[in-house]
Amino acid sequence: MIERKGDWLSARVGDEIMMMSPEHGKYIGVNEVGARIWELIETPSDAATVYAELQREFDVSPEDCQAEVDSFLAEMEKHGAVSVSRP
């Protein structure tokens, strides 16, 4: 399962999202795809659902989609913005 974590605030700026954590004192800019992932995990979701939705919305192969989502989530975990439960 993937879920948001912490006190992150976010606001859309064009196709991107700007995120801020008062708790961590961090700011992050997220591109269009990252912004969509952030929206998809507004409620906890499993990775397969996120992959499927992004493949439906964007022209991306299943392999590339999974690699990019996993990379994005790993980066967000480093910042304390998401929690990913792995089997």
C-alpha atoms as a PDB file:
ATOM      1  CA  MET A   1       0.000   0.000   0.000  1.00  0.00           C
ATOM      2  CA  ILE A   2       1.049   3.544  -0.716  1.00  0.00           C
ATOM      3  CA  GLU A   3      -0.130   6.385   1.462  1.00  0.00           C
ATOM      4  CA  ARG A   4       0.704   9.985   2.134  1.00  0.00           C
ATOM      5  CA  LYS A   5       2.607  10.658   5.322  1.00  0.00           C
ATOM      6  CA  GLY A   6       3.270  13.700   7.467  1.00  0.00           C
ATOM      7  CA  ASP A   7       1.971  17.218   7.273  1.00  0.00           C
ATOM      8  CA  TRP A   8       2.675  17.934   3.594  1.00  0.00           C
ATOM      9  CA  LEU A   9       0.736  20.797   2.043  1.00  0.00           C
ATOM     10  CA  SER A  10       0.387  20.930  -1.714  1.00  0.00           C
ATOM     11  CA  ALA A  11      -0.868  23.379  -4.319  1.00  0.00           C
ATOM     12  CA  ARG A  12      -1.185  23.027  -8.064  1.00  0.00           C
ATOM     13  CA  VAL A  13       0.841  25.426 -10.182  1.00  0.00           C
ATOM     14  CA  GLY A  14      -0.048  24.756 -13.807  1.00  0.00           C
ATOM     15  CA  ASP A  15       0.561  21.040 -14.430  1.00  0.00           C
ATOM     16  CA  GLU A  16       2.910  20.732 -11.456  1.00  0.00           C
ATOM     17  CA  ILE A  17       2.444  20.589  -7.697  1.00  0.00           C
ATOM     18  CA  MET A  18       4.487  22.500  -5.160  1.00  0.00           C
ATOM     19  CA  MET A  19       4.721  20.699  -1.827  1.00  0.00           C
ATOM     20  CA  MET A  20       5.803  21.983   1.552  1.00  0.00           C
ATOM     21  CA  SER A  21       6.326  20.296   4.906  1.00  0.00           C
ATOM     22  CA  PRO A  22       6.422  22.685   7.867  1.00  0.00           C
ATOM     23  CA  GLU A  23       7.443  19.718  10.040  1.00  0.00           C
ATOM     24  CA  HIS A  24      10.484  18.899   7.897  1.00  0.00           C
ATOM     25  CA  GLY A  25      11.167  22.433   6.625  1.00  0.00           C
ATOM     26  CA  LYS A  26      11.236  21.168   3.025  1.00  0.00           C
ATOM     27  CA  TYR A  27       9.850  22.322  -0.307  1.00  0.00           C
ATOM     28  CA  ILE A  28       9.489  20.031  -3.302  1.00  0.00           C
ATOM     29  CA  GLY A  29       8.384  20.733  -6.863  1.00  0.00           C
ATOM     30  CA  VAL A  30       6.703  17.803  -8.582  1.00  0.00           C
ATOM     31  CA  ASN A  31       6.176  17.479 -12.358  1.00  0.00           C
ATOM     32  CA  GLU A  32       2.893  16.593 -14.073  1.00  0.00           C
ATOM     33  CA  VAL A  33       3.236  12.830 -13.623  1.00  0.00           C
ATOM     34  CA  GLY A  34       4.407  13.156 -10.015  1.00  0.00           C
ATOM     35  CA  ALA A  35       1.470  15.485  -9.392  1.00  0.00           C
ATOM     36  CA  ARG A  36      -0.907  12.860 -10.759  1.00  0.00           C
ATOM     37  CA  ILE A  37       0.638  10.173  -8.542  1.00  0.00           C
ATOM     38  CA  TRP A  38       0.220  12.499  -5.530  1.00  0.00           C
ATOM     39  CA  GLU A  39      -3.463  12.919  -6.432  1.00  0.00           C
ATOM     40  CA  LEU A  40      -3.945   9.168  -6.898  1.00  0.00           C
ATOM     41  CA  ILE A  41      -2.621   8.439  -3.402  1.00  0.00           C
ATOM     42  CA  GLU A  42      -4.825  11.040  -1.706  1.00  0.00           C
ATOM     43  CA  THR A  43      -6.451   7.953  -0.238  1.00  0.00           C
ATOM     44  CA  PRO A  44      -4.174   4.945   0.338  1.00  0.00           C
ATOM     45  CA  SER A  45      -3.784   2.903  -2.816  1.00  0.00           C
ATOM     46  CA  ASP A  46      -1.892  -0.135  -4.022  1.00  0.00           C
ATOM     47  CA  ALA A  47       0.881   0.183  -6.590  1.00  0.00           C
ATOM     48  CA  ALA A  48      -0.965  -1.877  -9.233  1.00  0.00           C
ATOM     49  CA  THR A  49      -3.851   0.616  -9.197  1.00  0.00           C
ATOM     50  CA  VAL A  50      -1.471   3.567  -9.590  1.00  0.00           C
ATOM     51  CA  TYR A  51       0.388   1.844 -12.459  1.00  0.00           C
ATOM     52  CA  ALA A  52      -2.865   0.978 -14.255  1.00  0.00           C
ATOM     53  CA  GLU A  53      -4.303   4.482 -13.963  1.00  0.00           C
ATOM     54  CA  LEU A  54      -1.122   6.155 -15.227  1.00  0.00           C
ATOM     55  CA  GLN A  55      -0.881   3.734 -18.156  1.00  0.00           C
ATOM     56  CA  ARG A  56      -4.475   4.601 -19.020  1.00  0.00           C
ATOM     57  CA  GLU A  57      -3.817   8.361 -18.848  1.00  0.00           C
ATOM     58  CA  PHE A  58      -0.307   8.578 -20.351  1.00  0.00           C
ATOM     59  CA  ASP A  59       1.393   6.949 -23.330  1.00  0.00           C
ATOM     60  CA  VAL A  60       3.836   4.792 -21.375  1.00  0.00           C
ATOM     61  CA  SER A  61       4.847   1.135 -21.421  1.00  0.00           C
ATOM     62  CA  PRO A  62       4.075  -0.977 -18.340  1.00  0.00           C
ATOM     63  CA  GLU A  63       7.800  -1.423 -17.632  1.00  0.00           C
ATOM     64  CA  ASP A  64       8.641   2.277 -17.898  1.00  0.00           C
ATOM     65  CA  CYS A  65       5.582   3.210 -15.855  1.00  0.00           C
ATOM     66  CA  GLN A  66       6.493   0.871 -13.019  1.00  0.00           C
ATOM     67  CA  ALA A  67      10.139   1.991 -13.008  1.00  0.00           C
ATOM     68  CA  GLU A  68       9.208   5.697 -12.959  1.00  0.00           C
ATOM     69  CA  VAL A  69       6.508   5.318 -10.286  1.00  0.00           C
ATOM     70  CA  ASP A  70       8.833   3.248  -8.096  1.00  0.00           C
ATOM     71  CA  SER A  71      11.595   5.838  -8.499  1.00  0.00           C
ATOM     72  CA  PHE A  72       9.219   8.698  -7.633  1.00  0.00           C
ATOM     73  CA  LEU A  73       7.904   6.874  -4.575  1.00  0.00           C
ATOM     74  CA  ALA A  74      11.422   6.074  -3.365  1.00  0.00           C
ATOM     75  CA  GLU A  75      12.305   9.769  -3.594  1.00  0.00           C
ATOM     76  CA  MET A  76       9.112  10.762  -1.772  1.00  0.00           C
ATOM     77  CA  GLU A  77       9.925   8.211   0.955  1.00  0.00           C
ATOM     78  CA  LYS A  78      13.323   9.864   1.441  1.00  0.00           C
ATOM     79  CA  HIS A  79      11.549  13.168   2.050  1.00  0.00           C
ATOM     80  CA  GLY A  80       9.055  11.568   4.456  1.00  0.00           C
ATOM     81  CA  ALA A  81       6.097  12.362   2.176  1.00  0.00           C
ATOM     82  CA  VAL A  82       4.867   8.795   1.582  1.00  0.00           C
ATOM     83  CA  SER A  83       4.895   5.416   3.190  1.00  0.00           C
ATOM     84  CA  VAL A  84       5.130   2.342   0.975  1.00  0.00           C
ATOM     85  CA  SER A  85       4.288  -1.036   2.487  1.00  0.00           C
ATOM     86  CA  ARG A  86       5.951  -3.813   0.546  1.00  0.00           C
ATOM     87  CA  PRO A  87       4.913  -7.457   0.752  1.00  0.00           C
END
